[in-house]
């Protein structure tokens, strides 16, 4: 909770346009009502008690911030230039470039944690035995209810129209046409999110 509060404050100081604070148990399950409330109160304390919202740019002119911003921008431009030189993002993905970059960054970050070059309080330093966190348990009956709802939904729609819309979406995905109108048409034909995603997944595969 302390870490999320600092991250939320840092985001506001950095000029974020929207903010989400994670529940403390989101790595384990959907947040409980109690942890969701704590996350909300964290935002409210930053908004109403910290004073940072009284200024348009609370740390404007900070040399450290301006320097880091310039560095971040330069590195982002460098990435965009590399992608452009490859022929664009689609070509970069086909070459596994972003996938490799993500994997290498994750490996580097994990190695720094394991070698204690990056301290994560409570993980690789200052660790202590902690009581187990109560997590949210979903009633298995809800899954059966949702399955029944989807089946009923499919029975009640015009299935030939849905099939045609999904087929047209898939045909467009196989070409170079605009997919958005076909996706909208599929939604209007009452195709489910999964069906729409699968129609495109059949063509594009997964990355």
N, C-alpha and C. Protein backbone atom coordinates (compact mmCIF):
# COMPACT_ATOMS: atom_id res chain seq x y z
N UNK A 1 0.83 -1.20 0.00
CA UNK A 1 0.00 0.00 0.00
C UNK A 1 0.87 1.26 0.00
N UNK A 2 1.98 1.20 0.74
CA UNK A 2 2.90 2.33 0.76
C UNK A 2 3.49 2.56 -0.63
N UNK A 3 3.86 1.47 -1.26
CA UNK A 3 4.46 1.56 -2.60
C UNK A 3 3.48 2.17 -3.61
N UNK A 4 2.23 1.72 -3.57
CA UNK A 4 1.21 2.24 -4.50
C UNK A 4 0.96 3.72 -4.24
N UNK A 5 0.96 4.13 -2.96
CA UNK A 5 0.75 5.54 -2.65
C UNK A 5 1.86 6.41 -3.24
N UNK A 6 3.11 5.94 -3.13
CA UNK A 6 4.23 6.69 -3.70
C UNK A 6 4.14 6.73 -5.23
N UNK A 7 3.74 5.61 -5.81
CA UNK A 7 3.61 5.56 -7.27
C UNK A 7 2.51 6.49 -7.75
N UNK A 8 1.41 6.53 -7.02
CA UNK A 8 0.30 7.42 -7.40
C UNK A 8 0.74 8.88 -7.31
N UNK A 9 1.44 9.23 -6.25
CA UNK A 9 1.92 10.60 -6.10
C UNK A 9 2.90 10.95 -7.22
N UNK A 10 3.80 10.01 -7.53
CA UNK A 10 4.77 10.25 -8.61
C UNK A 10 4.07 10.45 -9.95
N UNK A 11 3.01 9.67 -10.19
CA UNK A 11 2.27 9.81 -11.44
C UNK A 11 1.64 11.20 -11.55
N UNK A 12 1.06 11.68 -10.45
CA UNK A 12 0.44 13.01 -10.47
C UNK A 12 1.49 14.09 -10.66
N UNK A 13 2.61 13.96 -9.96
CA UNK A 13 3.70 14.93 -10.12
C UNK A 13 4.24 14.93 -11.55
N UNK A 14 4.17 13.76 -12.20
CA UNK A 14 4.65 13.67 -13.58
C UNK A 14 3.64 14.13 -14.61
N UNK A 15 2.42 14.51 -14.17
CA UNK A 15 1.44 15.07 -15.10
C UNK A 15 0.54 14.05 -15.75
N UNK A 16 0.27 12.92 -15.08
CA UNK A 16 -0.60 11.91 -15.69
C UNK A 16 -2.00 12.48 -15.92
N UNK A 17 -2.67 11.97 -16.95
CA UNK A 17 -4.02 12.43 -17.28
C UNK A 17 -5.10 11.55 -16.66
N UNK A 18 -4.77 10.32 -16.33
CA UNK A 18 -5.69 9.45 -15.63
C UNK A 18 -4.86 8.53 -14.74
N UNK A 19 -5.47 8.03 -13.69
CA UNK A 19 -4.70 7.30 -12.69
C UNK A 19 -5.50 6.10 -12.17
N UNK A 20 -4.84 4.97 -12.07
CA UNK A 20 -5.44 3.78 -11.43
C UNK A 20 -4.48 3.30 -10.35
N UNK A 21 -4.99 3.08 -9.16
CA UNK A 21 -4.16 2.50 -8.09
C UNK A 21 -4.59 1.04 -7.89
N UNK A 22 -3.61 0.14 -7.91
CA UNK A 22 -3.89 -1.28 -7.77
C UNK A 22 -4.29 -1.64 -6.35
N UNK A 23 -5.18 -2.61 -6.23
CA UNK A 23 -5.45 -3.20 -4.93
C UNK A 23 -4.25 -4.01 -4.49
N UNK A 24 -4.04 -4.13 -3.18
CA UNK A 24 -2.85 -4.82 -2.68
C UNK A 24 -2.85 -6.30 -3.02
N UNK A 25 -4.00 -6.87 -3.37
CA UNK A 25 -4.08 -8.30 -3.62
C UNK A 25 -4.27 -8.65 -5.10
N UNK A 26 -4.10 -7.67 -5.99
CA UNK A 26 -4.38 -7.93 -7.41
C UNK A 26 -3.43 -8.92 -8.05
N UNK A 27 -2.26 -9.13 -7.44
CA UNK A 27 -1.35 -10.15 -7.97
C UNK A 27 -1.81 -11.56 -7.61
N UNK A 28 -2.75 -11.64 -6.67
CA UNK A 28 -3.22 -12.93 -6.18
C UNK A 28 -4.62 -13.27 -6.67
N UNK A 29 -5.46 -12.26 -6.84
CA UNK A 29 -6.85 -12.50 -7.22
C UNK A 29 -7.48 -11.18 -7.60
N UNK A 30 -8.76 -11.23 -7.96
CA UNK A 30 -9.51 -9.98 -8.07
C UNK A 30 -9.51 -9.32 -6.70
N UNK A 31 -9.46 -7.98 -6.65
CA UNK A 31 -9.39 -7.32 -5.34
C UNK A 31 -10.65 -7.53 -4.50
N UNK A 32 -10.44 -7.68 -3.21
CA UNK A 32 -11.58 -7.72 -2.31
C UNK A 32 -12.14 -6.31 -2.19
N UNK A 33 -13.34 -6.21 -1.63
CA UNK A 33 -13.95 -4.89 -1.44
C UNK A 33 -13.08 -4.01 -0.54
N UNK A 34 -12.48 -4.61 0.48
CA UNK A 34 -11.64 -3.85 1.41
C UNK A 34 -10.40 -3.29 0.72
N UNK A 35 -9.73 -4.12 -0.09
CA UNK A 35 -8.51 -3.64 -0.76
C UNK A 35 -8.84 -2.63 -1.86
N UNK A 36 -9.98 -2.80 -2.53
CA UNK A 36 -10.41 -1.82 -3.53
C UNK A 36 -10.69 -0.47 -2.86
N UNK A 37 -11.27 -0.51 -1.65
CA UNK A 37 -11.55 0.73 -0.93
C UNK A 37 -10.26 1.43 -0.53
N UNK A 38 -9.26 0.65 -0.07
CA UNK A 38 -7.97 1.23 0.29
C UNK A 38 -7.33 1.90 -0.92
N UNK A 39 -7.40 1.24 -2.09
CA UNK A 39 -6.84 1.81 -3.31
C UNK A 39 -7.53 3.13 -3.66
N UNK A 40 -8.85 3.15 -3.50
CA UNK A 40 -9.61 4.37 -3.76
C UNK A 40 -9.22 5.47 -2.78
N UNK A 41 -9.11 5.13 -1.49
CA UNK A 41 -8.74 6.13 -0.49
C UNK A 41 -7.34 6.68 -0.76
N UNK A 42 -6.46 5.85 -1.30
CA UNK A 42 -5.11 6.32 -1.66
C UNK A 42 -5.20 7.44 -2.68
N UNK A 43 -6.02 7.25 -3.71
CA UNK A 43 -6.22 8.30 -4.72
C UNK A 43 -6.81 9.55 -4.09
N UNK A 44 -7.78 9.36 -3.21
CA UNK A 44 -8.46 10.50 -2.61
C UNK A 44 -7.53 11.29 -1.69
N UNK A 45 -6.64 10.60 -0.99
CA UNK A 45 -5.68 11.30 -0.13
C UNK A 45 -4.72 12.13 -0.99
N UNK A 46 -4.24 11.55 -2.09
CA UNK A 46 -3.36 12.30 -2.99
C UNK A 46 -4.10 13.51 -3.55
N UNK A 47 -5.35 13.32 -3.92
CA UNK A 47 -6.13 14.40 -4.56
C UNK A 47 -6.50 15.51 -3.58
N UNK A 48 -6.87 15.14 -2.36
CA UNK A 48 -7.47 16.11 -1.45
C UNK A 48 -6.61 16.52 -0.26
N UNK A 49 -5.54 15.76 0.03
CA UNK A 49 -4.74 16.09 1.20
C UNK A 49 -3.30 16.47 0.87
N UNK A 50 -2.77 15.98 -0.25
CA UNK A 50 -1.34 16.21 -0.53
C UNK A 50 -1.04 17.63 -0.99
N UNK A 51 -2.01 18.28 -1.62
CA UNK A 51 -1.79 19.62 -2.13
C UNK A 51 -1.24 19.67 -3.54
N UNK A 52 -0.89 18.51 -4.11
CA UNK A 52 -0.27 18.54 -5.45
C UNK A 52 -1.25 19.00 -6.52
N UNK A 53 -2.56 18.85 -6.26
CA UNK A 53 -3.54 19.25 -7.27
C UNK A 53 -3.83 20.75 -7.24
N UNK A 54 -3.17 21.47 -6.31
CA UNK A 54 -3.36 22.92 -6.24
C UNK A 54 -2.53 23.64 -7.28
N UNK A 55 -1.65 22.90 -7.97
CA UNK A 55 -0.74 23.50 -8.95
C UNK A 55 -0.85 22.76 -10.28
N UNK A 56 -0.75 23.51 -11.37
CA UNK A 56 -0.79 22.88 -12.69
C UNK A 56 0.41 21.97 -12.88
N UNK A 57 1.58 22.43 -12.45
CA UNK A 57 2.81 21.67 -12.64
C UNK A 57 3.64 21.78 -11.35
N UNK A 58 3.37 20.92 -10.35
CA UNK A 58 3.97 21.06 -9.02
C UNK A 58 5.50 21.10 -9.01
N UNK A 59 6.14 20.34 -9.89
CA UNK A 59 7.62 20.34 -9.89
C UNK A 59 8.17 20.85 -11.22
N UNK A 60 7.43 21.77 -11.83
CA UNK A 60 7.89 22.37 -13.07
C UNK A 60 9.21 23.10 -12.87
N UNK A 61 10.13 22.93 -13.82
CA UNK A 61 11.42 23.58 -13.73
C UNK A 61 12.46 22.76 -13.01
N UNK A 62 12.07 21.59 -12.47
CA UNK A 62 13.03 20.74 -11.78
C UNK A 62 14.08 20.23 -12.78
N UNK A 63 15.35 20.46 -12.47
CA UNK A 63 16.41 20.03 -13.39
C UNK A 63 16.38 18.52 -13.55
N UNK A 64 16.18 17.80 -12.43
CA UNK A 64 16.18 16.33 -12.49
C UNK A 64 15.06 15.84 -13.39
N UNK A 65 13.88 16.41 -13.22
CA UNK A 65 12.74 15.96 -14.02
C UNK A 65 12.92 16.30 -15.48
N UNK A 66 13.37 17.52 -15.76
CA UNK A 66 13.56 17.93 -17.16
C UNK A 66 14.63 17.06 -17.83
N UNK A 67 15.69 16.75 -17.10
CA UNK A 67 16.77 15.92 -17.65
C UNK A 67 16.27 14.51 -17.96
N UNK A 68 15.51 13.94 -17.02
CA UNK A 68 14.97 12.60 -17.24
C UNK A 68 13.98 12.58 -18.40
N UNK A 69 13.18 13.65 -18.51
CA UNK A 69 12.22 13.74 -19.62
C UNK A 69 12.94 13.78 -20.96
N UNK A 70 14.01 14.57 -21.04
CA UNK A 70 14.79 14.65 -22.28
C UNK A 70 15.39 13.30 -22.63
N UNK A 71 15.90 12.60 -21.60
CA UNK A 71 16.50 11.29 -21.85
C UNK A 71 15.46 10.29 -22.32
N UNK A 72 14.29 10.29 -21.68
CA UNK A 72 13.21 9.38 -22.06
C UNK A 72 12.76 9.65 -23.49
N UNK A 73 12.62 10.93 -23.83
CA UNK A 73 12.18 11.28 -25.18
C UNK A 73 13.21 10.83 -26.21
N UNK A 74 14.48 11.04 -25.93
CA UNK A 74 15.53 10.65 -26.88
C UNK A 74 15.55 9.14 -27.09
N UNK A 75 15.37 8.37 -26.01
CA UNK A 75 15.37 6.91 -26.13
C UNK A 75 14.13 6.42 -26.86
N UNK A 76 12.99 7.10 -26.66
CA UNK A 76 11.77 6.72 -27.38
C UNK A 76 11.92 6.99 -28.87
N UNK A 77 12.49 8.13 -29.21
CA UNK A 77 12.72 8.47 -30.62
C UNK A 77 13.66 7.46 -31.27
N UNK A 78 14.67 7.03 -30.51
CA UNK A 78 15.61 6.03 -31.02
C UNK A 78 14.89 4.72 -31.33
N UNK A 79 13.97 4.32 -30.45
CA UNK A 79 13.19 3.11 -30.69
C UNK A 79 12.32 3.26 -31.94
N UNK A 80 11.66 4.40 -32.06
CA UNK A 80 10.80 4.63 -33.23
C UNK A 80 11.63 4.61 -34.52
N UNK A 81 12.84 5.14 -34.46
CA UNK A 81 13.70 5.15 -35.64
C UNK A 81 14.08 3.72 -36.03
N UNK A 82 14.39 2.89 -35.03
CA UNK A 82 14.74 1.49 -35.32
C UNK A 82 13.56 0.77 -35.97
N UNK A 83 12.36 1.02 -35.44
CA UNK A 83 11.16 0.36 -35.98
C UNK A 83 10.88 0.84 -37.40
N UNK A 84 11.04 2.15 -37.64
CA UNK A 84 10.85 2.68 -38.99
C UNK A 84 11.86 2.07 -39.97
N UNK A 85 13.11 1.90 -39.50
CA UNK A 85 14.15 1.32 -40.36
C UNK A 85 13.84 -0.14 -40.72
N UNK A 86 13.08 -0.81 -39.86
CA UNK A 86 12.68 -2.20 -40.14
C UNK A 86 11.52 -2.28 -41.13
N UNK A 87 10.86 -1.15 -41.34
CA UNK A 87 9.71 -1.14 -42.24
C UNK A 87 8.38 -0.98 -41.53
N UNK A 88 8.43 -0.60 -40.24
CA UNK A 88 7.19 -0.38 -39.50
C UNK A 88 6.97 -1.44 -38.43
N UNK A 89 5.94 -1.20 -37.62
CA UNK A 89 5.70 -2.06 -36.46
C UNK A 89 5.29 -3.47 -36.86
N UNK A 90 4.49 -3.61 -37.91
CA UNK A 90 4.07 -4.95 -38.32
C UNK A 90 5.28 -5.80 -38.70
N UNK A 91 6.21 -5.20 -39.44
CA UNK A 91 7.42 -5.91 -39.82
C UNK A 91 8.29 -6.20 -38.60
N UNK A 92 8.34 -5.25 -37.67
CA UNK A 92 9.12 -5.44 -36.44
C UNK A 92 8.58 -6.61 -35.63
N UNK A 93 7.24 -6.71 -35.55
CA UNK A 93 6.63 -7.82 -34.82
C UNK A 93 6.94 -9.14 -35.51
N UNK A 94 6.88 -9.14 -36.84
CA UNK A 94 7.16 -10.39 -37.57
C UNK A 94 8.60 -10.84 -37.37
N UNK A 95 9.49 -9.89 -37.09
CA UNK A 95 10.89 -10.23 -36.80
C UNK A 95 11.12 -10.52 -35.32
N UNK A 96 10.04 -10.47 -34.52
CA UNK A 96 10.13 -10.73 -33.08
C UNK A 96 10.91 -9.65 -32.32
N UNK A 97 11.02 -8.45 -32.91
CA UNK A 97 11.81 -7.40 -32.26
C UNK A 97 11.22 -6.94 -30.93
N UNK A 98 9.94 -6.50 -30.89
CA UNK A 98 9.41 -6.05 -29.59
C UNK A 98 9.35 -7.18 -28.58
N UNK A 99 9.06 -8.40 -29.04
CA UNK A 99 9.00 -9.53 -28.12
C UNK A 99 10.36 -9.75 -27.45
N UNK A 100 11.44 -9.69 -28.25
CA UNK A 100 12.79 -9.88 -27.69
C UNK A 100 13.15 -8.75 -26.73
N UNK A 101 12.78 -7.52 -27.10
CA UNK A 101 13.10 -6.38 -26.23
C UNK A 101 12.41 -6.51 -24.88
N UNK A 102 11.15 -6.95 -24.89
CA UNK A 102 10.41 -7.13 -23.64
C UNK A 102 11.04 -8.25 -22.81
N UNK A 103 11.39 -9.36 -23.46
CA UNK A 103 11.99 -10.48 -22.75
C UNK A 103 13.34 -10.10 -22.15
N UNK A 104 14.15 -9.36 -22.92
CA UNK A 104 15.47 -8.96 -22.43
C UNK A 104 15.35 -7.97 -21.28
N UNK A 105 14.38 -7.07 -21.37
CA UNK A 105 14.18 -6.10 -20.29
C UNK A 105 13.73 -6.81 -19.02
N UNK A 106 12.83 -7.79 -19.17
CA UNK A 106 12.36 -8.55 -18.01
C UNK A 106 13.50 -9.34 -17.39
N UNK A 107 14.33 -9.96 -18.23
CA UNK A 107 15.49 -10.72 -17.74
C UNK A 107 16.45 -9.82 -16.98
N UNK A 108 16.75 -8.66 -17.56
CA UNK A 108 17.67 -7.72 -16.93
C UNK A 108 17.13 -7.25 -15.59
N UNK A 109 15.83 -6.92 -15.54
CA UNK A 109 15.23 -6.44 -14.30
C UNK A 109 15.28 -7.52 -13.22
N UNK A 110 14.96 -8.76 -13.61
CA UNK A 110 14.98 -9.86 -12.63
C UNK A 110 16.39 -10.13 -12.13
N UNK A 111 17.37 -10.04 -13.03
CA UNK A 111 18.77 -10.28 -12.64
C UNK A 111 19.24 -9.22 -11.66
N UNK A 112 18.83 -7.97 -11.88
CA UNK A 112 19.23 -6.88 -10.98
C UNK A 112 18.61 -7.08 -9.60
N UNK A 113 17.38 -7.61 -9.56
CA UNK A 113 16.74 -7.89 -8.27
C UNK A 113 17.49 -9.02 -7.56
N UNK A 114 17.81 -10.09 -8.30
CA UNK A 114 18.47 -11.24 -7.70
C UNK A 114 19.88 -10.89 -7.21
N UNK A 115 20.55 -9.97 -7.93
CA UNK A 115 21.91 -9.56 -7.54
C UNK A 115 21.89 -8.38 -6.57
N UNK A 116 20.68 -7.95 -6.18
CA UNK A 116 20.47 -6.83 -5.26
C UNK A 116 21.04 -5.51 -5.77
N UNK A 117 21.14 -5.40 -7.09
CA UNK A 117 21.46 -4.09 -7.66
C UNK A 117 20.23 -3.19 -7.64
N UNK A 118 19.04 -3.81 -7.63
CA UNK A 118 17.77 -3.11 -7.50
C UNK A 118 17.08 -3.67 -6.25
N UNK A 119 16.92 -2.82 -5.25
CA UNK A 119 16.30 -3.27 -4.00
C UNK A 119 14.79 -3.19 -4.11
N UNK A 120 14.13 -4.30 -3.80
CA UNK A 120 12.68 -4.36 -3.70
C UNK A 120 12.37 -4.71 -2.26
N UNK A 121 11.92 -3.73 -1.52
CA UNK A 121 11.70 -3.90 -0.08
C UNK A 121 10.70 -5.03 0.17
N UNK A 122 11.10 -5.93 1.05
CA UNK A 122 10.23 -7.06 1.39
C UNK A 122 10.42 -8.25 0.48
N UNK A 123 11.21 -8.09 -0.60
CA UNK A 123 11.45 -9.19 -1.54
C UNK A 123 12.90 -9.65 -1.47
N UNK A 124 13.84 -8.75 -1.80
CA UNK A 124 15.25 -9.13 -1.74
C UNK A 124 16.02 -8.37 -0.65
N UNK A 125 15.31 -7.61 0.15
CA UNK A 125 15.91 -6.91 1.28
C UNK A 125 14.79 -6.56 2.27
N UNK A 126 15.13 -6.54 3.54
CA UNK A 126 14.18 -6.21 4.60
C UNK A 126 12.94 -7.13 4.57
N UNK A 127 13.17 -8.37 4.19
CA UNK A 127 12.06 -9.32 4.12
C UNK A 127 11.74 -9.85 5.51
N UNK A 128 10.48 -10.12 5.74
CA UNK A 128 10.05 -10.68 7.02
C UNK A 128 8.83 -11.56 6.78
N UNK A 129 8.52 -12.40 7.73
CA UNK A 129 7.37 -13.28 7.63
C UNK A 129 6.09 -12.46 7.73
N UNK A 130 5.20 -12.62 6.76
CA UNK A 130 3.97 -11.85 6.77
C UNK A 130 2.76 -12.77 6.83
N UNK A 131 1.71 -12.27 7.45
CA UNK A 131 0.48 -13.05 7.54
C UNK A 131 -0.13 -13.19 6.15
N UNK A 132 -0.76 -14.32 5.86
CA UNK A 132 -1.40 -14.48 4.54
C UNK A 132 -2.50 -13.46 4.34
N UNK A 133 -2.66 -13.02 3.10
CA UNK A 133 -3.68 -12.03 2.75
C UNK A 133 -4.96 -12.75 2.36
N UNK A 134 -6.06 -12.26 2.88
CA UNK A 134 -7.35 -12.82 2.50
C UNK A 134 -7.67 -12.41 1.06
N UNK A 135 -7.92 -13.38 0.21
CA UNK A 135 -8.19 -13.09 -1.20
C UNK A 135 -9.65 -13.34 -1.53
N UNK A 136 -10.09 -12.76 -2.61
CA UNK A 136 -11.47 -12.91 -3.05
C UNK A 136 -11.69 -14.29 -3.66
N UNK A 137 -12.72 -14.98 -3.24
CA UNK A 137 -13.06 -16.29 -3.78
C UNK A 137 -14.35 -16.17 -4.58
N UNK A 138 -14.28 -16.55 -5.85
CA UNK A 138 -15.46 -16.48 -6.72
C UNK A 138 -16.24 -17.79 -6.62
N UNK A 139 -17.51 -17.68 -6.42
CA UNK A 139 -18.38 -18.87 -6.34
C UNK A 139 -18.38 -19.58 -7.69
N UNK A 140 -17.98 -20.85 -7.74
CA UNK A 140 -17.96 -21.59 -9.02
C UNK A 140 -19.32 -21.59 -9.72
N UNK A 141 -20.38 -21.42 -8.97
CA UNK A 141 -21.72 -21.41 -9.57
C UNK A 141 -21.88 -20.23 -10.52
N UNK A 142 -21.14 -19.16 -10.28
CA UNK A 142 -21.23 -17.98 -11.15
C UNK A 142 -20.73 -18.30 -12.55
N UNK A 143 -19.72 -19.17 -12.64
CA UNK A 143 -19.21 -19.58 -13.95
C UNK A 143 -20.29 -20.31 -14.73
N UNK A 144 -20.98 -21.22 -14.07
CA UNK A 144 -22.05 -21.96 -14.73
C UNK A 144 -23.18 -21.02 -15.17
N UNK A 145 -23.48 -20.04 -14.32
CA UNK A 145 -24.52 -19.07 -14.67
C UNK A 145 -24.13 -18.25 -15.90
N UNK A 146 -22.86 -17.86 -15.98
CA UNK A 146 -22.41 -17.07 -17.13
C UNK A 146 -22.43 -17.90 -18.41
N UNK A 147 -22.03 -19.17 -18.31
CA UNK A 147 -22.08 -20.06 -19.47
C UNK A 147 -23.51 -20.20 -19.97
N UNK A 148 -24.43 -20.34 -19.04
CA UNK A 148 -25.84 -20.46 -19.41
C UNK A 148 -26.35 -19.19 -20.07
N UNK A 149 -25.91 -18.05 -19.57
CA UNK A 149 -26.32 -16.76 -20.17
C UNK A 149 -25.83 -16.63 -21.60
N UNK A 150 -24.56 -17.03 -21.84
CA UNK A 150 -24.00 -16.94 -23.19
C UNK A 150 -24.74 -17.88 -24.14
N UNK A 151 -25.03 -19.09 -23.67
CA UNK A 151 -25.76 -20.05 -24.51
C UNK A 151 -27.15 -19.52 -24.86
N UNK A 152 -27.83 -18.93 -23.88
CA UNK A 152 -29.16 -18.35 -24.13
C UNK A 152 -29.07 -17.19 -25.09
N UNK A 153 -28.03 -16.38 -24.94
CA UNK A 153 -27.81 -15.24 -25.83
C UNK A 153 -27.66 -15.72 -27.28
N UNK A 154 -26.89 -16.78 -27.47
CA UNK A 154 -26.64 -17.29 -28.81
C UNK A 154 -27.91 -17.91 -29.41
N UNK A 155 -28.72 -18.54 -28.59
CA UNK A 155 -29.96 -19.14 -29.10
C UNK A 155 -30.94 -18.07 -29.57
N UNK A 156 -30.94 -16.93 -28.93
CA UNK A 156 -31.94 -15.90 -29.19
C UNK A 156 -31.58 -14.98 -30.36
N UNK A 157 -30.35 -15.02 -30.83
CA UNK A 157 -29.95 -14.12 -31.90
C UNK A 157 -30.21 -14.74 -33.26
N UNK A 158 -30.03 -13.94 -34.31
CA UNK A 158 -30.14 -14.42 -35.68
C UNK A 158 -28.79 -15.02 -36.08
N UNK A 159 -28.63 -16.31 -35.83
CA UNK A 159 -27.31 -16.93 -36.01
C UNK A 159 -26.79 -16.89 -37.45
N UNK A 160 -27.63 -17.05 -38.48
CA UNK A 160 -27.09 -16.90 -39.84
C UNK A 160 -26.50 -15.51 -40.09
N UNK A 161 -27.15 -14.47 -39.54
CA UNK A 161 -26.63 -13.11 -39.70
C UNK A 161 -25.31 -12.96 -38.96
N UNK A 162 -25.23 -13.55 -37.79
CA UNK A 162 -23.98 -13.49 -37.01
C UNK A 162 -22.85 -14.18 -37.76
N UNK A 163 -23.16 -15.35 -38.32
CA UNK A 163 -22.15 -16.11 -39.05
C UNK A 163 -21.66 -15.31 -40.26
N UNK A 164 -22.60 -14.67 -40.99
CA UNK A 164 -22.19 -13.86 -42.14
C UNK A 164 -21.29 -12.71 -41.72
N UNK A 165 -21.64 -12.03 -40.64
CA UNK A 165 -20.84 -10.90 -40.17
C UNK A 165 -19.43 -11.34 -39.78
N UNK A 166 -19.33 -12.48 -39.11
CA UNK A 166 -18.01 -12.98 -38.71
C UNK A 166 -17.20 -13.42 -39.92
N UNK A 167 -17.88 -14.00 -40.91
CA UNK A 167 -17.20 -14.42 -42.13
C UNK A 167 -16.65 -13.21 -42.89
N UNK A 168 -17.45 -12.15 -42.96
CA UNK A 168 -17.00 -10.93 -43.64
C UNK A 168 -15.83 -10.29 -42.89
N UNK A 169 -15.88 -10.36 -41.56
CA UNK A 169 -14.77 -9.84 -40.77
C UNK A 169 -13.49 -10.61 -41.07
N UNK A 170 -13.60 -11.93 -41.13
CA UNK A 170 -12.43 -12.75 -41.40
C UNK A 170 -11.89 -12.49 -42.80
N UNK A 171 -12.78 -12.35 -43.79
CA UNK A 171 -12.35 -12.08 -45.16
C UNK A 171 -11.61 -10.75 -45.24
N UNK A 172 -12.12 -9.74 -44.53
CA UNK A 172 -11.46 -8.43 -44.54
C UNK A 172 -10.10 -8.51 -43.87
N UNK A 173 -10.01 -9.30 -42.79
CA UNK A 173 -8.73 -9.47 -42.09
C UNK A 173 -7.69 -10.13 -43.00
N UNK A 174 -8.15 -10.96 -43.91
CA UNK A 174 -7.23 -11.64 -44.83
C UNK A 174 -6.71 -10.69 -45.91
N UNK A 175 -7.37 -9.54 -46.07
CA UNK A 175 -6.94 -8.56 -47.06
C UNK A 175 -6.32 -7.35 -46.39
N UNK A 176 -6.61 -6.17 -46.96
CA UNK A 176 -6.02 -4.93 -46.43
C UNK A 176 -7.10 -3.90 -46.07
N UNK A 177 -8.36 -4.35 -46.00
CA UNK A 177 -9.46 -3.43 -45.72
C UNK A 177 -9.50 -2.98 -44.26
N UNK A 178 -10.34 -1.99 -44.01
CA UNK A 178 -10.53 -1.44 -42.68
C UNK A 178 -11.37 -2.42 -41.85
N UNK A 179 -10.84 -2.88 -40.75
CA UNK A 179 -11.53 -3.87 -39.92
C UNK A 179 -12.62 -3.27 -39.04
N UNK A 180 -12.49 -1.98 -38.71
CA UNK A 180 -13.41 -1.38 -37.73
C UNK A 180 -14.88 -1.51 -38.14
N UNK A 181 -15.25 -1.13 -39.39
CA UNK A 181 -16.67 -1.28 -39.76
C UNK A 181 -17.16 -2.73 -39.67
N UNK A 182 -16.27 -3.68 -39.98
CA UNK A 182 -16.65 -5.09 -39.92
C UNK A 182 -16.82 -5.56 -38.47
N UNK A 183 -15.99 -5.03 -37.59
CA UNK A 183 -16.13 -5.37 -36.16
C UNK A 183 -17.43 -4.80 -35.63
N UNK A 184 -17.73 -3.55 -35.99
CA UNK A 184 -18.98 -2.91 -35.56
C UNK A 184 -20.18 -3.70 -36.08
N UNK A 185 -20.10 -4.13 -37.34
CA UNK A 185 -21.19 -4.91 -37.93
C UNK A 185 -21.37 -6.24 -37.19
N UNK A 186 -20.27 -6.86 -36.80
CA UNK A 186 -20.34 -8.12 -36.06
C UNK A 186 -20.98 -7.91 -34.69
N UNK A 187 -20.65 -6.78 -34.05
CA UNK A 187 -21.27 -6.48 -32.75
C UNK A 187 -22.77 -6.27 -32.92
N UNK A 188 -23.14 -5.55 -33.97
CA UNK A 188 -24.57 -5.32 -34.23
C UNK A 188 -25.29 -6.63 -34.56
N UNK A 189 -24.56 -7.58 -35.13
CA UNK A 189 -25.13 -8.89 -35.42
C UNK A 189 -25.09 -9.79 -34.19
N UNK A 190 -24.70 -9.21 -33.05
CA UNK A 190 -24.71 -9.88 -31.75
C UNK A 190 -23.67 -11.01 -31.65
N UNK A 191 -22.54 -10.82 -32.31
CA UNK A 191 -21.42 -11.74 -32.11
C UNK A 191 -20.80 -11.43 -30.75
N UNK A 192 -20.28 -12.45 -30.09
CA UNK A 192 -19.65 -12.24 -28.80
C UNK A 192 -18.22 -11.73 -29.00
N UNK A 193 -17.65 -11.20 -27.93
CA UNK A 193 -16.27 -10.72 -27.98
C UNK A 193 -15.32 -11.85 -28.36
N UNK A 194 -15.55 -13.02 -27.79
CA UNK A 194 -14.70 -14.16 -28.10
C UNK A 194 -14.78 -14.56 -29.56
N UNK A 195 -15.98 -14.54 -30.13
CA UNK A 195 -16.16 -14.90 -31.54
C UNK A 195 -15.47 -13.90 -32.45
N UNK A 196 -15.58 -12.64 -32.12
CA UNK A 196 -14.92 -11.60 -32.93
C UNK A 196 -13.41 -11.75 -32.86
N UNK A 197 -12.90 -11.96 -31.64
CA UNK A 197 -11.45 -12.13 -31.47
C UNK A 197 -10.97 -13.38 -32.21
N UNK A 198 -11.73 -14.46 -32.13
CA UNK A 198 -11.31 -15.70 -32.80
C UNK A 198 -11.29 -15.56 -34.31
N UNK A 199 -12.22 -14.78 -34.86
CA UNK A 199 -12.26 -14.57 -36.32
C UNK A 199 -10.96 -13.92 -36.79
N UNK A 200 -10.46 -12.97 -36.01
CA UNK A 200 -9.20 -12.30 -36.36
C UNK A 200 -8.00 -13.16 -35.98
N UNK A 201 -8.12 -13.90 -34.88
CA UNK A 201 -7.03 -14.76 -34.45
C UNK A 201 -6.75 -15.85 -35.47
N UNK A 202 -7.81 -16.33 -36.15
CA UNK A 202 -7.64 -17.35 -37.20
C UNK A 202 -6.75 -16.84 -38.33
N UNK A 203 -6.79 -15.52 -38.55
CA UNK A 203 -6.01 -14.93 -39.65
C UNK A 203 -4.62 -14.48 -39.16
N UNK A 204 -4.61 -13.75 -38.06
CA UNK A 204 -3.36 -13.12 -37.61
C UNK A 204 -2.54 -13.98 -36.67
N UNK A 205 -3.16 -15.01 -36.07
CA UNK A 205 -2.45 -15.78 -35.07
C UNK A 205 -2.30 -14.99 -33.79
N UNK A 206 -1.38 -15.40 -32.96
CA UNK A 206 -1.13 -14.71 -31.68
C UNK A 206 0.34 -14.35 -31.58
N UNK A 207 0.59 -13.22 -30.91
CA UNK A 207 1.98 -12.80 -30.67
C UNK A 207 2.24 -12.85 -29.17
